[in-house]
Amino acid sequence: MTANFTHRNLPRLLLQARESVMAHTRPSLREYHLSDQQWRVLRVLGEHGAVETGRVAREAFILGPSLTGVLARMERDGLIVRCRDPQDARRSVIDATPAGRKLVKRLSFSIESHYEWLETSLGKAKLAQLYELLDELIALEQPT
């Protein structure tokens, strides 16, 4: 049975693009024994500082059960600390430790240099257009 698709497989192309970009990042992550998920958590904390667990899950795109294990390993490895939210004791707040912040800073150099290479290769306008189109696609596909 063959289907008559007229459009390219966008989800596959987006995954392929992600994997292409991550192929440049993963060696640096592995050098510091970080998984992709652990890096996404550290990146969120590096951008925002201490945040509530739910926000980490949303911004790092990690489902709750997986996030629990990721955070436990990161806490064990001295990369993050967890504490109760002072406004709502039912919630946890996550923050990077000094070692976690140092790692974010160290990794940000190689990651930013890759983005600079992308900007040089594609051109500033095309990279900005790519960001715009992805933001537009994400907004378009959000449930109303």
Protein backbone atom coordinates (compact mmCIF):
# COMPACT_ATOMS: atom_id res chain seq x y z
CA MET A 1 0.00 0.00 0.00
CA THR A 2 1.37 3.42 -0.91
CA ALA A 3 0.04 6.73 0.30
CA ASN A 4 -0.14 9.85 -1.80
CA PHE A 5 1.65 12.41 0.34
CA THR A 6 2.16 15.76 -1.35
CA HIS A 7 4.12 17.44 1.43
CA ARG A 8 7.49 16.54 2.85
CA ASN A 9 7.56 14.87 6.28
CA LEU A 10 7.92 17.97 8.46
CA PRO A 11 8.22 16.16 11.83
CA ARG A 12 11.02 14.01 10.42
CA LEU A 13 12.78 17.06 8.94
CA LEU A 14 12.55 18.89 12.27
CA LEU A 15 14.00 15.85 14.07
CA GLN A 16 16.75 15.55 11.46
CA ALA A 17 17.58 19.25 11.88
CA ARG A 18 17.67 18.83 15.67
CA GLU A 19 19.99 15.85 15.39
CA SER A 20 22.26 17.74 12.97
CA VAL A 21 22.58 20.65 15.39
CA MET A 22 23.00 18.36 18.41
CA ALA A 23 25.77 16.43 16.65
CA HIS A 24 27.94 19.50 17.26
CA THR A 25 26.85 19.86 20.89
CA ARG A 26 26.86 16.27 22.13
CA PRO A 27 30.64 15.76 22.16
CA SER A 28 30.98 18.71 24.57
CA LEU A 29 28.15 17.37 26.72
CA ARG A 30 29.67 13.90 26.84
CA GLU A 31 33.02 15.36 27.83
CA TYR A 32 31.30 16.51 31.04
CA HIS A 33 29.19 13.33 31.35
CA LEU A 34 25.92 15.17 30.63
CA SER A 35 22.90 13.79 28.82
CA ASP A 36 20.88 15.93 26.42
CA GLN A 37 18.15 16.18 29.09
CA GLN A 38 20.59 17.26 31.79
CA TRP A 39 21.93 19.95 29.48
CA ARG A 40 18.41 21.20 28.74
CA VAL A 41 17.78 21.53 32.49
CA LEU A 42 21.05 23.40 33.01
CA ARG A 43 20.32 25.64 30.02
CA VAL A 44 16.93 26.60 31.53
CA LEU A 45 18.60 27.37 34.86
CA GLY A 46 21.40 29.26 33.10
CA GLU A 47 18.84 31.44 31.32
CA HIS A 48 16.43 32.01 34.22
CA GLY A 49 18.12 31.18 37.52
CA ALA A 50 16.10 29.28 40.12
CA VAL A 51 12.77 28.07 38.72
CA GLU A 52 9.84 25.90 39.76
CA THR A 53 10.02 22.26 38.68
CA GLY A 54 7.00 22.53 36.38
CA ARG A 55 8.63 25.35 34.45
CA VAL A 56 11.81 23.30 34.07
CA ALA A 57 9.71 20.43 32.67
CA ARG A 58 7.93 22.72 30.19
CA GLU A 59 10.99 24.63 29.00
CA ALA A 60 13.29 21.59 28.84
CA PHE A 61 10.58 19.43 27.25
CA ILE A 62 10.97 16.63 29.76
CA LEU A 63 7.94 14.72 31.05
CA GLY A 64 7.45 14.67 34.82
CA PRO A 65 8.45 11.04 35.51
CA SER A 66 11.62 11.42 33.42
CA LEU A 67 12.40 14.78 35.00
CA THR A 68 12.30 13.23 38.47
CA GLY A 69 15.11 10.83 37.55
CA VAL A 70 17.11 13.47 35.69
CA LEU A 71 16.95 15.85 38.67
CA ALA A 72 17.87 13.09 41.13
CA ARG A 73 21.01 12.28 39.13
CA MET A 74 21.91 15.95 38.76
CA GLU A 75 21.44 16.52 42.49
CA ARG A 76 23.58 13.46 43.24
CA ASP A 77 26.28 14.82 40.90
CA GLY A 78 26.23 18.23 42.62
CA LEU A 79 24.86 20.17 39.61
CA ILE A 80 21.56 21.33 41.11
CA VAL A 81 19.83 21.86 44.43
CA ARG A 82 16.14 21.47 45.14
CA CYS A 83 14.17 23.28 47.79
CA ARG A 84 10.56 24.06 48.61
CA ASP A 85 8.97 27.11 47.02
CA PRO A 86 8.68 29.73 49.80
CA GLN A 87 5.27 30.85 48.43
CA ASP A 88 3.86 27.32 48.00
CA ALA A 89 5.41 24.45 49.98
CA ARG A 90 3.80 21.92 47.60
CA ARG A 91 6.14 23.05 44.83
CA SER A 92 9.86 22.53 44.39
CA VAL A 93 12.32 25.08 43.09
CA ILE A 94 15.44 24.00 41.23
CA ASP A 95 18.66 25.99 41.04
CA ALA A 96 22.11 25.29 39.67
CA THR A 97 24.89 24.87 42.19
CA PRO A 98 28.13 26.83 41.70
CA ALA A 99 29.49 23.73 39.91
CA GLY A 100 26.40 23.62 37.68
CA ARG A 101 26.69 27.33 36.85
CA LYS A 102 30.39 26.89 36.07
CA LEU A 103 29.53 24.04 33.71
CA VAL A 104 26.85 26.13 31.94
CA LYS A 105 29.35 28.94 31.46
CA ARG A 106 32.03 26.57 30.17
CA LEU A 107 29.67 24.84 27.72
CA SER A 108 28.09 28.09 26.56
CA PHE A 109 31.34 29.06 24.82
CA SER A 110 31.40 26.03 22.49
CA ILE A 111 27.65 26.15 21.92
CA GLU A 112 27.67 29.86 21.13
CA SER A 113 30.62 29.39 18.78
CA HIS A 114 28.54 26.82 16.88
CA TYR A 115 25.65 29.31 16.64
CA GLU A 116 28.09 31.93 15.38
CA TRP A 117 29.24 29.46 12.72
CA LEU A 118 25.60 28.84 11.75
CA GLU A 119 25.03 32.59 11.53
CA THR A 120 28.10 33.02 9.32
CA SER A 121 27.18 30.02 7.14
CA LEU A 122 23.48 30.82 6.70
CA GLY A 123 23.73 34.58 7.11
CA LYS A 124 22.28 36.64 9.91
CA ALA A 125 19.01 37.30 8.05
CA LYS A 126 18.39 33.63 7.21
CA LEU A 127 19.09 32.50 10.78
CA ALA A 128 16.74 35.19 12.09
CA GLN A 129 14.14 34.04 9.55
CA LEU A 130 14.58 30.43 10.67
CA TYR A 131 14.00 31.45 14.30
CA GLU A 132 10.94 33.49 13.25
CA LEU A 133 9.46 30.66 11.20
CA LEU A 134 9.98 28.13 13.99
CA ASP A 135 8.39 30.50 16.53
CA GLU A 136 5.47 31.04 14.14
CA LEU A 137 5.03 27.29 13.57
CA ILE A 138 5.10 26.60 17.31
CA ALA A 139 2.51 29.32 17.96
CA LEU A 140 0.32 28.11 15.08
CA GLU A 141 0.26 24.53 16.39
CA GLN A 142 -0.61 25.49 19.98
CA PRO A 143 -4.05 24.36 21.11
CA THR A 144 -6.52 27.23 21.45
